[in-house]
Every structure is written in structure tokens, then in C-alpha cells.
């Protein structure tokens, strides 16, 4: 993880550095790999793989949930409403997905062409294919929709396949997608970042990194090797917040940076010393397994330690 820009010396009031936590390519932890192997990876709610399925006959069914009217899960809607009115947080939104059904968009992908009786090329077979997106920072994102209507508004030709959100998260992991984007193009678009995707895939509770005591301990332990660091603070990063379609700001659902690390440094350090210190800390953090699993992206703020 390299700093983005040059860190200022402490003769200024403060400075900031942003970056993505951990190396760009990270091996899946063994427990997640095992969950993928046991859950079938990319599949629908019945466990049937999507890849190679035709759009004809039973393969073309919208979903496998009986009596599903296609509306959004009530628990998810309640969690988002609480986020909007300030009584909830992003962890509660992710927690609501543990039992929620979502829709994954599947599109027709031409698998084989044939020449028709009139001599013109015609589609002979179309297979189902998952839709993947590219986030602004280049990461792969998997879209999911809380209602069939939201999916139809986004892509009228896509077929909604209903799955539990945990299975959608498993599919995102197996496709090496670091983000699960809920309801893109809707009034409220909520981004589930990589650590939360992994937690959802394992069906365990997700704790945001800025509230995670084990993450705080890991960061503090690494800092003990740098005497110039007098204190550390953890706060939600600037990228935690998101904006609704009508311009309201929500305290959750953003794509990152998710964690703000405030370093209180001794006075008198020049720019080169600060740069070396920050690079050393980032290197230590990125080598830590727990940090790599639980922190998606960070921004670093520099402050003078109070004498």
C-alpha cells in the first residue's frame, strides 16, 4: 500500500494520505475458501450454477422462492430508513442482509450462432451470464437488487434471479469482486465493501473497522515500533458516507475510504521523516492478516501531539 502523494512535515497544521488497505491481490482466507467450496460458488438459490444455463424452459424461471412478490425485504428497508433518519448505522444495514433475499441480474450472452433459412445469421443459443461492474477506483463490483422493480429499472432486459444475500456475497467473492452494490441507479444505492462482503458470505456479524477493537489493537501494536507516534485515533473515513438520488447524505453505504487513522506525532519532524514513518506503518499494517481481512481502505491524518 503506497501513499497517494507526498506527506507534509509537521510544520503545517495537518496532512492526509489515502490508500487501499493491503496488497492489490490477496489470497482468500482458508475459512472463506472452504465456505465457497461447500456452497457451490456462483449459483442460484437452489444451488444450480448460472454459467452455461439456457434462457429457455425451466432455466428461464425468474427465481426459486415460492410466493415471492419481488418487493424489497422489510428488514432491509427498515435498516435503510433508520440510516436515513440518523437512528441507525451501516453495520445494521449489512446485518439486515443476513436473512434478506436479493435479486442478481442475469443477461443473455450469445453462445452459438447459426445460419437461418434466409441465409442470415441467427442466434442459436443464448446462455445466462452474471453482470459485473467496474467501480471508479477500478475494483470489480457485483450488482444486486433488493426488488425486482429496481433491477428492471436499471436494466430492463436483465432477468432477476433470487438468492439469499449471503449466497450473493459468496458469488461476489468467487468472482473476485470486492464490492457488492445494492440497487445501483436507485434513490438509495448502498455499497457493501470487501470485509463486509466476506463477513456476509460467512454469515457472521460484520463490525466496521473504525469500531473494531482488534483492528485498533493491531494498528496500535505496529505503531509501538515508531517512537515519534505519540497517540492514534480511529474514525469513520470520508468514504463511509453516501449520497441519495435526491442529494441527502447518508452515514453509510459509500465505497471508501472507510477508516481514518489519525496519527499524533512528535513535533519537529520534517517531510522526509514523516513520509518514511507513514510508509513503514502502512507496510506493517498491510502484512497483518487480520488488518488485511477487516480493513478495506484507509486515509491517514497527521496531527501534532499535544505537549
C-alpha atoms as a PDB file:
ATOM      1  CA  UNK A   1       0.000   0.000   0.000  1.00  0.00           C
ATOM      2  CA  UNK A   2       1.672   3.138  -1.189  1.00  0.00           C
ATOM      3  CA  UNK A   3       0.784   6.647  -0.024  1.00  0.00           C
ATOM      4  CA  UNK A   4      -1.018   8.798  -2.532  1.00  0.00           C
ATOM      5  CA  UNK A   5       1.014  11.969  -2.755  1.00  0.00           C
ATOM      6  CA  UNK A   6       3.738  13.383  -0.530  1.00  0.00           C
ATOM      7  CA  UNK A   7       3.226  13.697   3.204  1.00  0.00           C
ATOM      8  CA  UNK A   8       3.817  17.156   4.622  1.00  0.00           C
ATOM      9  CA  UNK A   9       6.107  17.887   7.533  1.00  0.00           C
ATOM     10  CA  UNK A  10       4.642  18.807  10.881  1.00  0.00           C
ATOM     11  CA  UNK A  11       5.340  22.498  10.477  1.00  0.00           C
ATOM     12  CA  UNK A  12       1.874  22.568   8.848  1.00  0.00           C
ATOM     13  CA  UNK A  13      -1.351  22.079  10.755  1.00  0.00           C
ATOM     14  CA  UNK A  14      -2.114  18.637   9.388  1.00  0.00           C
ATOM     15  CA  UNK A  15      -1.832  16.366   6.395  1.00  0.00           C
ATOM     16  CA  UNK A  16      -3.629  13.411   4.898  1.00  0.00           C
ATOM     17  CA  UNK A  17      -2.772  10.317   2.893  1.00  0.00           C
ATOM     18  CA  UNK A  18      -5.275   7.949   1.312  1.00  0.00           C
ATOM     19  CA  UNK A  19      -4.811   4.448   0.017  1.00  0.00           C
ATOM     20  CA  UNK A  20      -6.256   0.957  -0.323  1.00  0.00           C
ATOM     21  CA  UNK A  21      -5.532  -1.334   2.568  1.00  0.00           C
ATOM     22  CA  UNK A  22      -3.324  -4.333   1.867  1.00  0.00           C
ATOM     23  CA  UNK A  23      -1.866  -5.621  -1.405  1.00  0.00           C
ATOM     24  CA  UNK A  24      -3.891  -5.437  -4.613  1.00  0.00           C
ATOM     25  CA  UNK A  25      -4.052  -9.230  -4.911  1.00  0.00           C
ATOM     26  CA  UNK A  26      -4.882 -11.119  -1.710  1.00  0.00           C
ATOM     27  CA  UNK A  27      -5.356 -14.864  -1.267  1.00  0.00           C
ATOM     28  CA  UNK A  28      -8.688 -15.810   0.234  1.00  0.00           C
ATOM     29  CA  UNK A  29      -8.528 -16.828   3.900  1.00  0.00           C
ATOM     30  CA  UNK A  30      -8.937 -20.589   4.307  1.00  0.00           C
ATOM     31  CA  UNK A  31     -12.316 -20.342   6.047  1.00  0.00           C
ATOM     32  CA  UNK A  32     -13.740 -18.289   3.170  1.00  0.00           C
ATOM     33  CA  UNK A  33     -12.298 -20.632   0.550  1.00  0.00           C
ATOM     34  CA  UNK A  34     -13.869 -23.550   2.411  1.00  0.00           C
ATOM     35  CA  UNK A  35     -17.216 -21.792   2.519  1.00  0.00           C
ATOM     36  CA  UNK A  36     -17.055 -21.217  -1.211  1.00  0.00           C
ATOM     37  CA  UNK A  37     -16.225 -24.862  -1.853  1.00  0.00           C
ATOM     38  CA  UNK A  38     -19.120 -26.011   0.290  1.00  0.00           C
ATOM     39  CA  UNK A  39     -21.660 -23.537  -1.021  1.00  0.00           C
ATOM     40  CA  UNK A  40     -21.218 -24.096  -4.708  1.00  0.00           C
ATOM     41  CA  UNK A  41     -19.887 -20.669  -5.610  1.00  0.00           C
ATOM     42  CA  UNK A  42     -21.776 -18.928  -8.384  1.00  0.00           C
ATOM     43  CA  UNK A  43     -25.249 -20.445  -8.229  1.00  0.00           C
ATOM     44  CA  UNK A  44     -28.886 -19.573  -7.754  1.00  0.00           C
ATOM     45  CA  UNK A  45     -30.948 -20.037  -4.605  1.00  0.00           C
ATOM     46  CA  UNK A  46     -31.320 -23.730  -5.371  1.00  0.00           C
ATOM     47  CA  UNK A  47     -27.558 -24.156  -5.749  1.00  0.00           C
ATOM     48  CA  UNK A  48     -27.641 -24.549  -9.536  1.00  0.00           C
ATOM     49  CA  UNK A  49     -24.767 -22.831 -11.413  1.00  0.00           C
ATOM     50  CA  UNK A  50     -25.757 -19.928 -13.621  1.00  0.00           C
ATOM     51  CA  UNK A  51     -22.942 -20.362 -16.119  1.00  0.00           C
ATOM     52  CA  UNK A  52     -23.971 -22.313 -19.193  1.00  0.00           C
ATOM     53  CA  UNK A  53     -27.694 -22.266 -18.482  1.00  0.00           C
ATOM     54  CA  UNK A  54     -30.090 -21.559 -21.297  1.00  0.00           C
ATOM     55  CA  UNK A  55     -32.816 -18.915 -21.234  1.00  0.00           C
ATOM     56  CA  UNK A  56     -35.356 -21.482 -22.387  1.00  0.00           C
ATOM     57  CA  UNK A  57     -37.759 -23.658 -20.396  1.00  0.00           C
ATOM     58  CA  UNK A  58     -37.221 -24.114 -16.666  1.00  0.00           C
ATOM     59  CA  UNK A  59     -33.818 -22.447 -16.908  1.00  0.00           C
ATOM     60  CA  UNK A  60     -35.583 -19.190 -17.696  1.00  0.00           C
ATOM     61  CA  UNK A  61     -37.564 -19.073 -14.466  1.00  0.00           C
ATOM     62  CA  UNK A  62     -37.257 -15.751 -12.665  1.00  0.00           C
ATOM     63  CA  UNK A  63     -36.454 -17.291  -9.279  1.00  0.00           C
ATOM     64  CA  UNK A  64     -36.932 -20.261  -6.983  1.00  0.00           C
ATOM     65  CA  UNK A  65     -38.547 -18.560  -3.963  1.00  0.00           C
ATOM     66  CA  UNK A  66     -42.202 -19.529  -3.628  1.00  0.00           C
ATOM     67  CA  UNK A  67     -44.780 -16.760  -3.144  1.00  0.00           C
ATOM     68  CA  UNK A  68     -42.135 -14.081  -3.662  1.00  0.00           C
ATOM     69  CA  UNK A  69     -43.803 -10.866  -4.828  1.00  0.00           C
ATOM     70  CA  UNK A  70     -40.470  -9.294  -5.792  1.00  0.00           C
ATOM     71  CA  UNK A  71     -40.597  -6.451  -3.281  1.00  0.00           C
ATOM     72  CA  UNK A  72     -37.681  -5.404  -1.075  1.00  0.00           C
ATOM     73  CA  UNK A  73     -37.051  -7.178   2.227  1.00  0.00           C
ATOM     74  CA  UNK A  74     -38.829  -5.397   5.077  1.00  0.00           C
ATOM     75  CA  UNK A  75     -35.833  -5.695   7.396  1.00  0.00           C
ATOM     76  CA  UNK A  76     -33.531  -4.079   4.865  1.00  0.00           C
ATOM     77  CA  UNK A  77     -35.984  -1.246   4.220  1.00  0.00           C
ATOM     78  CA  UNK A  78     -36.273  -0.613   7.966  1.00  0.00           C
ATOM     79  CA  UNK A  79     -32.478  -0.547   8.364  1.00  0.00           C
ATOM     80  CA  UNK A  80     -32.090   1.920   5.481  1.00  0.00           C
ATOM     81  CA  UNK A  81     -34.879   4.096   6.904  1.00  0.00           C
ATOM     82  CA  UNK A  82     -33.058   4.171  10.254  1.00  0.00           C
ATOM     83  CA  UNK A  83     -29.831   5.109   8.465  1.00  0.00           C
ATOM     84  CA  UNK A  84     -31.630   7.964   6.740  1.00  0.00           C
ATOM     85  CA  UNK A  85     -33.193   9.374   9.917  1.00  0.00           C
ATOM     86  CA  UNK A  86     -29.996   9.065  11.933  1.00  0.00           C
ATOM     87  CA  UNK A  87     -31.129   6.322  14.313  1.00  0.00           C
ATOM     88  CA  UNK A  88     -29.235   3.506  12.543  1.00  0.00           C
ATOM     89  CA  UNK A  89     -25.819   2.793  11.091  1.00  0.00           C
ATOM     90  CA  UNK A  90     -24.224   0.959   8.192  1.00  0.00           C
ATOM     91  CA  UNK A  91     -23.496  -2.121  10.306  1.00  0.00           C
ATOM     92  CA  UNK A  92     -27.239  -2.539  10.901  1.00  0.00           C
ATOM     93  CA  UNK A  93     -27.907  -2.327   7.162  1.00  0.00           C
ATOM     94  CA  UNK A  94     -25.381  -5.087   6.475  1.00  0.00           C
ATOM     95  CA  UNK A  95     -26.812  -7.138   9.365  1.00  0.00           C
ATOM     96  CA  UNK A  96     -30.285  -6.892   7.813  1.00  0.00           C
ATOM     97  CA  UNK A  97     -28.951  -8.636   4.711  1.00  0.00           C
ATOM     98  CA  UNK A  98     -28.177 -11.799   6.686  1.00  0.00           C
ATOM     99  CA  UNK A  99     -31.713 -13.086   6.111  1.00  0.00           C
ATOM    100  CA  UNK A 100     -32.699 -10.985   3.103  1.00  0.00           C
ATOM    101  CA  UNK A 101     -33.455 -12.152  -0.409  1.00  0.00           C
ATOM    102  CA  UNK A 102     -31.894 -10.123  -3.206  1.00  0.00           C
ATOM    103  CA  UNK A 103     -32.005 -10.347  -6.994  1.00  0.00           C
ATOM    104  CA  UNK A 104     -28.907 -10.920  -9.099  1.00  0.00           C
ATOM    105  CA  UNK A 105     -29.161  -9.635 -12.691  1.00  0.00           C
ATOM    106  CA  UNK A 106     -28.566 -12.250 -15.366  1.00  0.00           C
ATOM    107  CA  UNK A 107     -28.299 -11.304 -19.021  1.00  0.00           C
ATOM    108  CA  UNK A 108     -28.410 -13.305 -22.230  1.00  0.00           C
ATOM    109  CA  UNK A 109     -24.981 -13.937 -23.710  1.00  0.00           C
ATOM    110  CA  UNK A 110     -24.743 -15.379 -27.208  1.00  0.00           C
ATOM    111  CA  UNK A 111     -23.142 -18.816 -27.032  1.00  0.00           C
ATOM    112  CA  UNK A 112     -23.635 -20.038 -30.613  1.00  0.00           C
ATOM    113  CA  UNK A 113     -24.775 -18.627 -33.929  1.00  0.00           C
ATOM    114  CA  UNK A 114     -26.370 -20.437 -36.872  1.00  0.00           C
ATOM    115  CA  UNK A 115     -27.397 -19.560 -40.415  1.00  0.00           C
ATOM    116  CA  UNK A 116     -31.140 -19.333 -40.882  1.00  0.00           C
ATOM    117  CA  UNK A 117     -33.181 -20.472 -43.912  1.00  0.00           C
ATOM    118  CA  UNK A 118     -32.949 -16.982 -45.376  1.00  0.00           C
ATOM    119  CA  UNK A 119     -29.161 -17.112 -45.240  1.00  0.00           C
ATOM    120  CA  UNK A 120     -28.948 -14.595 -42.406  1.00  0.00           C
ATOM    121  CA  UNK A 121     -27.118 -15.251 -39.164  1.00  0.00           C
ATOM    122  CA  UNK A 122     -29.446 -16.049 -36.291  1.00  0.00           C
ATOM    123  CA  UNK A 123     -28.937 -16.651 -32.591  1.00  0.00           C
ATOM    124  CA  UNK A 124     -28.963 -20.383 -31.989  1.00  0.00           C
ATOM    125  CA  UNK A 125     -28.308 -20.463 -28.265  1.00  0.00           C
ATOM    126  CA  UNK A 126     -28.039 -17.855 -25.526  1.00  0.00           C
ATOM    127  CA  UNK A 127     -26.579 -18.623 -22.103  1.00  0.00           C
ATOM    128  CA  UNK A 128     -27.080 -16.821 -18.821  1.00  0.00           C
ATOM    129  CA  UNK A 129     -24.205 -14.654 -17.612  1.00  0.00           C
ATOM    130  CA  UNK A 130     -23.569 -12.717 -14.418  1.00  0.00           C
ATOM    131  CA  UNK A 131     -23.278  -8.947 -14.674  1.00  0.00           C
ATOM    132  CA  UNK A 132     -20.156  -7.334 -13.198  1.00  0.00           C
ATOM    133  CA  UNK A 133     -19.362  -3.642 -12.835  1.00  0.00           C
ATOM    134  CA  UNK A 134     -16.179  -1.603 -12.531  1.00  0.00           C
ATOM    135  CA  UNK A 135     -16.047   0.866  -9.665  1.00  0.00           C
ATOM    136  CA  UNK A 136     -14.487   4.304 -10.118  1.00  0.00           C
ATOM    137  CA  UNK A 137     -11.263   3.080  -8.490  1.00  0.00           C
ATOM    138  CA  UNK A 138     -11.047   0.109 -10.858  1.00  0.00           C
ATOM    139  CA  UNK A 139     -12.275  -2.563  -8.469  1.00  0.00           C
ATOM    140  CA  UNK A 140     -14.777  -5.184  -9.601  1.00  0.00           C
ATOM    141  CA  UNK A 141     -18.277  -4.757  -8.195  1.00  0.00           C
ATOM    142  CA  UNK A 142     -21.203  -7.161  -8.292  1.00  0.00           C
ATOM    143  CA  UNK A 143     -24.661  -5.554  -8.512  1.00  0.00           C
ATOM    144  CA  UNK A 144     -27.580  -6.904  -6.515  1.00  0.00           C
ATOM    145  CA  UNK A 145     -31.096  -5.558  -6.180  1.00  0.00           C
ATOM    146  CA  UNK A 146     -33.474  -5.607  -3.252  1.00  0.00           C
ATOM    147  CA  UNK A 147     -36.538  -5.671  -5.509  1.00  0.00           C
ATOM    148  CA  UNK A 148     -37.369  -6.952  -8.971  1.00  0.00           C
ATOM    149  CA  UNK A 149     -38.616  -3.485  -9.903  1.00  0.00           C
ATOM    150  CA  UNK A 150     -35.294  -1.859  -9.022  1.00  0.00           C
ATOM    151  CA  UNK A 151     -33.469  -4.356 -11.231  1.00  0.00           C
ATOM    152  CA  UNK A 152     -35.918  -3.806 -14.108  1.00  0.00           C
ATOM    153  CA  UNK A 153     -35.474  -0.032 -13.852  1.00  0.00           C
ATOM    154  CA  UNK A 154     -31.702  -0.483 -14.051  1.00  0.00           C
ATOM    155  CA  UNK A 155     -31.620  -2.996 -16.933  1.00  0.00           C
ATOM    156  CA  UNK A 156     -34.999  -3.924 -18.475  1.00  0.00           C
ATOM    157  CA  UNK A 157     -33.510  -6.897 -20.344  1.00  0.00           C
ATOM    158  CA  UNK A 158     -31.868  -8.485 -17.298  1.00  0.00           C
ATOM    159  CA  UNK A 159     -33.535 -11.445 -15.612  1.00  0.00           C
ATOM    160  CA  UNK A 160     -33.814 -11.330 -11.808  1.00  0.00           C
ATOM    161  CA  UNK A 161     -32.560 -14.480 -10.104  1.00  0.00           C
ATOM    162  CA  UNK A 162     -33.474 -14.539  -6.420  1.00  0.00           C
ATOM    163  CA  UNK A 163     -30.813 -15.617  -3.941  1.00  0.00           C
ATOM    164  CA  UNK A 164     -30.164 -15.019  -0.286  1.00  0.00           C
ATOM    165  CA  UNK A 165     -27.768 -12.117   0.168  1.00  0.00           C
ATOM    166  CA  UNK A 166     -25.229 -14.430   1.811  1.00  0.00           C
ATOM    167  CA  UNK A 167     -25.105 -16.550  -1.347  1.00  0.00           C
ATOM    168  CA  UNK A 168     -24.777 -13.405  -3.452  1.00  0.00           C
ATOM    169  CA  UNK A 169     -21.806 -12.457  -1.275  1.00  0.00           C
ATOM    170  CA  UNK A 170     -20.258 -15.898  -1.854  1.00  0.00           C
ATOM    171  CA  UNK A 171     -20.707 -15.411  -5.580  1.00  0.00           C
ATOM    172  CA  UNK A 172     -19.069 -11.976  -5.362  1.00  0.00           C
ATOM    173  CA  UNK A 173     -16.078 -13.479  -3.553  1.00  0.00           C
ATOM    174  CA  UNK A 174     -15.734 -16.309  -6.060  1.00  0.00           C
ATOM    175  CA  UNK A 175     -15.834 -13.792  -8.915  1.00  0.00           C
ATOM    176  CA  UNK A 176     -13.130 -11.738  -7.132  1.00  0.00           C
ATOM    177  CA  UNK A 177     -15.496  -8.797  -6.769  1.00  0.00           C
ATOM    178  CA  UNK A 178     -14.509  -6.617  -3.818  1.00  0.00           C
ATOM    179  CA  UNK A 179     -17.788  -4.715  -3.664  1.00  0.00           C
ATOM    180  CA  UNK A 180     -21.448  -5.751  -3.572  1.00  0.00           C
ATOM    181  CA  UNK A 181     -23.503  -2.806  -4.822  1.00  0.00           C
ATOM    182  CA  UNK A 182     -27.152  -2.804  -3.768  1.00  0.00           C
ATOM    183  CA  UNK A 183     -29.670  -1.105  -6.044  1.00  0.00           C
ATOM    184  CA  UNK A 184     -27.347   0.832  -8.370  1.00  0.00           C
ATOM    185  CA  UNK A 185     -29.237   3.629 -10.101  1.00  0.00           C
ATOM    186  CA  UNK A 186     -31.913   3.776  -7.382  1.00  0.00           C
ATOM    187  CA  UNK A 187     -32.582   6.588  -4.935  1.00  0.00           C
ATOM    188  CA  UNK A 188     -30.536   4.748  -2.301  1.00  0.00           C
ATOM    189  CA  UNK A 189     -27.511   2.813  -3.548  1.00  0.00           C
ATOM    190  CA  UNK A 190     -25.677   1.012  -0.759  1.00  0.00           C
ATOM    191  CA  UNK A 191     -22.154  -0.340  -1.263  1.00  0.00           C
ATOM    192  CA  UNK A 192     -21.089  -3.333   0.814  1.00  0.00           C
ATOM    193  CA  UNK A 193     -17.291  -3.240   0.959  1.00  0.00           C
ATOM    194  CA  UNK A 194     -14.965  -6.258   0.866  1.00  0.00           C
ATOM    195  CA  UNK A 195     -14.691  -7.015   4.630  1.00  0.00           C
ATOM    196  CA  UNK A 196     -18.478  -6.835   4.969  1.00  0.00           C
ATOM    197  CA  UNK A 197     -18.912  -8.983   1.837  1.00  0.00           C
ATOM    198  CA  UNK A 198     -16.617 -11.611   3.363  1.00  0.00           C
ATOM    199  CA  UNK A 199     -18.489 -11.465   6.678  1.00  0.00           C
ATOM    200  CA  UNK A 200     -21.843 -11.823   4.922  1.00  0.00           C
ATOM    201  CA  UNK A 201     -20.513 -14.758   2.898  1.00  0.00           C
ATOM    202  CA  UNK A 202     -19.514 -16.482   6.145  1.00  0.00           C
ATOM    203  CA  UNK A 203     -22.801 -15.488   7.796  1.00  0.00           C
ATOM    204  CA  UNK A 204     -21.035 -13.774  10.679  1.00  0.00           C
ATOM    205  CA  UNK A 205     -21.532 -10.322  12.158  1.00  0.00           C
ATOM    206  CA  UNK A 206     -19.603  -7.518  10.491  1.00  0.00           C
ATOM    207  CA  UNK A 207     -18.017  -4.810  12.629  1.00  0.00           C
ATOM    208  CA  UNK A 208     -16.828  -1.675  10.778  1.00  0.00           C
ATOM    209  CA  UNK A 209     -13.059  -1.294  11.022  1.00  0.00           C
ATOM    210  CA  UNK A 210     -13.340   2.059  12.787  1.00  0.00           C
ATOM    211  CA  UNK A 211     -15.250   0.330  15.621  1.00  0.00           C
ATOM    212  CA  UNK A 212     -13.261  -2.920  15.646  1.00  0.00           C
ATOM    213  CA  UNK A 213     -11.180  -3.245  18.836  1.00  0.00           C
ATOM    214  CA  UNK A 214      -8.946  -5.920  17.320  1.00  0.00           C
ATOM    215  CA  UNK A 215      -8.175  -3.668  14.357  1.00  0.00           C
ATOM    216  CA  UNK A 216      -7.390  -0.835  16.775  1.00  0.00           C
ATOM    217  CA  UNK A 217      -5.051  -3.113  18.730  1.00  0.00           C
ATOM    218  CA  UNK A 218      -3.302  -4.230  15.538  1.00  0.00           C
ATOM    219  CA  UNK A 219      -2.762  -0.645  14.407  1.00  0.00           C
ATOM    220  CA  UNK A 220      -1.516   0.409  17.840  1.00  0.00           C
ATOM    221  CA  UNK A 221       0.857  -2.547  18.143  1.00  0.00           C
ATOM    222  CA  UNK A 222       2.547  -1.677  14.857  1.00  0.00           C
ATOM    223  CA  UNK A 223       2.887   1.939  15.973  1.00  0.00           C
ATOM    224  CA  UNK A 224       4.892   0.961  19.067  1.00  0.00           C
ATOM    225  CA  UNK A 225       7.888   0.468  16.767  1.00  0.00           C
ATOM    226  CA  UNK A 226       7.751   4.150  15.800  1.00  0.00           C
ATOM    227  CA  UNK A 227       8.565   6.327  18.844  1.00  0.00           C
ATOM    228  CA  UNK A 228       7.515   9.508  17.020  1.00  0.00           C
ATOM    229  CA  UNK A 229       3.893   8.295  17.139  1.00  0.00           C
ATOM    230  CA  UNK A 230       2.556   9.580  20.461  1.00  0.00           C
ATOM    231  CA  UNK A 231      -1.090   8.629  20.028  1.00  0.00           C
ATOM    232  CA  UNK A 232      -3.548   7.181  17.494  1.00  0.00           C
ATOM    233  CA  UNK A 233      -7.233   7.784  16.839  1.00  0.00           C
ATOM    234  CA  UNK A 234      -9.643   5.796  14.634  1.00  0.00           C
ATOM    235  CA  UNK A 235     -12.645   7.447  12.986  1.00  0.00           C
ATOM    236  CA  UNK A 236     -15.008   6.689  10.077  1.00  0.00           C
ATOM    237  CA  UNK A 237     -13.316   7.627   6.809  1.00  0.00           C
ATOM    238  CA  UNK A 238     -14.630  10.224   4.389  1.00  0.00           C
ATOM    239  CA  UNK A 239     -15.812   7.448   2.070  1.00  0.00           C
ATOM    240  CA  UNK A 240     -18.242   5.888   4.557  1.00  0.00           C
ATOM    241  CA  UNK A 241     -20.944   8.401   3.670  1.00  0.00           C
ATOM    242  CA  UNK A 242     -23.056   8.120   0.517  1.00  0.00           C
ATOM    243  CA  UNK A 243     -25.476  10.426  -1.271  1.00  0.00           C
ATOM    244  CA  UNK A 244     -29.052   9.570  -2.198  1.00  0.00           C
ATOM    245  CA  UNK A 245     -30.616  10.347  -5.552  1.00  0.00           C
ATOM    246  CA  UNK A 246     -32.210  13.483  -4.077  1.00  0.00           C
ATOM    247  CA  UNK A 247     -28.959  14.749  -2.591  1.00  0.00           C
ATOM    248  CA  UNK A 248     -29.309  13.628   1.036  1.00  0.00           C
ATOM    249  CA  UNK A 249     -26.148  12.416   2.775  1.00  0.00           C
ATOM    250  CA  UNK A 250     -26.279   9.027   4.498  1.00  0.00           C
ATOM    251  CA  UNK A 251     -23.751   7.933   7.162  1.00  0.00           C
ATOM    252  CA  UNK A 252     -23.055   4.672   5.370  1.00  0.00           C
ATOM    253  CA  UNK A 253     -23.120   2.907   2.026  1.00  0.00           C
ATOM    254  CA  UNK A 254     -20.130   4.692   0.480  1.00  0.00           C
ATOM    255  CA  UNK A 255     -17.320   2.950  -1.372  1.00  0.00           C
ATOM    256  CA  UNK A 256     -14.428   4.183   0.816  1.00  0.00           C
ATOM    257  CA  UNK A 257     -12.053   5.179   2.301  1.00  0.00           C
ATOM    258  CA  UNK A 258     -13.780   3.592   5.280  1.00  0.00           C
ATOM    259  CA  UNK A 259     -11.189   4.077   8.016  1.00  0.00           C
ATOM    260  CA  UNK A 260      -9.484   7.289   9.079  1.00  0.00           C
ATOM    261  CA  UNK A 261      -6.323   6.787  11.120  1.00  0.00           C
ATOM    262  CA  UNK A 262      -5.248   9.921  12.979  1.00  0.00           C
ATOM    263  CA  UNK A 263      -1.546   9.905  13.881  1.00  0.00           C
ATOM    264  CA  UNK A 264      -0.464  12.298  16.622  1.00  0.00           C
ATOM    265  CA  UNK A 265       3.249  12.812  16.032  1.00  0.00           C
ATOM    266  CA  UNK A 266       6.004  14.489  17.973  1.00  0.00           C
ATOM    267  CA  UNK A 267       6.894  17.967  16.826  1.00  0.00           C
ATOM    268  CA  UNK A 268       9.931  18.780  14.700  1.00  0.00           C
ATOM    269  CA  UNK A 269       9.693  16.018  12.056  1.00  0.00           C
ATOM    270  CA  UNK A 270      10.481  17.082   8.512  1.00  0.00           C
ATOM    271  CA  UNK A 271       8.633  15.894   5.425  1.00  0.00           C
ATOM    272  CA  UNK A 272      11.110  13.078   4.692  1.00  0.00           C
ATOM    273  CA  UNK A 273      10.836  11.709   8.238  1.00  0.00           C
ATOM    274  CA  UNK A 274       7.038  11.803   8.129  1.00  0.00           C
ATOM    275  CA  UNK A 275       6.987  10.076   4.745  1.00  0.00           C
ATOM    276  CA  UNK A 276       9.284   7.323   5.994  1.00  0.00           C
ATOM    277  CA  UNK A 277       7.219   6.831   9.152  1.00  0.00           C
ATOM    278  CA  UNK A 278       3.904   6.606   7.289  1.00  0.00           C
ATOM    279  CA  UNK A 279       5.357   4.210   4.707  1.00  0.00           C
ATOM    280  CA  UNK A 280       6.706   1.998   7.476  1.00  0.00           C
ATOM    281  CA  UNK A 281       3.352   1.888   9.244  1.00  0.00           C
ATOM    282  CA  UNK A 282       1.456   1.118   6.062  1.00  0.00           C
ATOM    283  CA  UNK A 283       3.881  -1.688   5.251  1.00  0.00           C
ATOM    284  CA  UNK A 284       3.454  -3.207   8.701  1.00  0.00           C
ATOM    285  CA  UNK A 285      -0.323  -2.984   8.558  1.00  0.00           C
ATOM    286  CA  UNK A 286      -0.558  -4.490   5.076  1.00  0.00           C
ATOM    287  CA  UNK A 287       1.417  -7.559   6.188  1.00  0.00           C
ATOM    288  CA  UNK A 288      -1.002  -8.242   9.036  1.00  0.00           C
ATOM    289  CA  UNK A 289      -3.620 -10.880   8.178  1.00  0.00           C
ATOM    290  CA  UNK A 290      -6.332  -9.505  10.448  1.00  0.00           C
ATOM    291  CA  UNK A 291      -5.835  -5.978   9.109  1.00  0.00           C
ATOM    292  CA  UNK A 292      -5.979  -7.270   5.533  1.00  0.00           C
ATOM    293  CA  UNK A 293      -9.260  -9.091   6.163  1.00  0.00           C
ATOM    294  CA  UNK A 294     -11.063  -6.380   8.102  1.00  0.00           C
ATOM    295  CA  UNK A 295      -9.878  -3.085   6.589  1.00  0.00           C
ATOM    296  CA  UNK A 296     -10.925  -2.146   3.088  1.00  0.00           C
ATOM    297  CA  UNK A 297      -9.311   1.265   2.585  1.00  0.00           C
ATOM    298  CA  UNK A 298      -7.825   3.971   4.776  1.00  0.00           C
ATOM    299  CA  UNK A 299      -6.953   7.610   4.938  1.00  0.00           C
ATOM    300  CA  UNK A 300      -4.278   8.922   7.284  1.00  0.00           C
ATOM    301  CA  UNK A 301      -4.465  12.275   9.028  1.00  0.00           C
ATOM    302  CA  UNK A 302      -1.417  13.815  10.670  1.00  0.00           C
ATOM    303  CA  UNK A 303      -1.637  15.912  13.814  1.00  0.00           C
ATOM    304  CA  UNK A 304       0.847  17.365  16.271  1.00  0.00           C
ATOM    305  CA  UNK A 305       0.801  15.616  19.612  1.00  0.00           C
ATOM    306  CA  UNK A 306      -0.301  17.859  22.452  1.00  0.00           C
ATOM    307  CA  UNK A 307       2.697  18.611  24.663  1.00  0.00           C
END
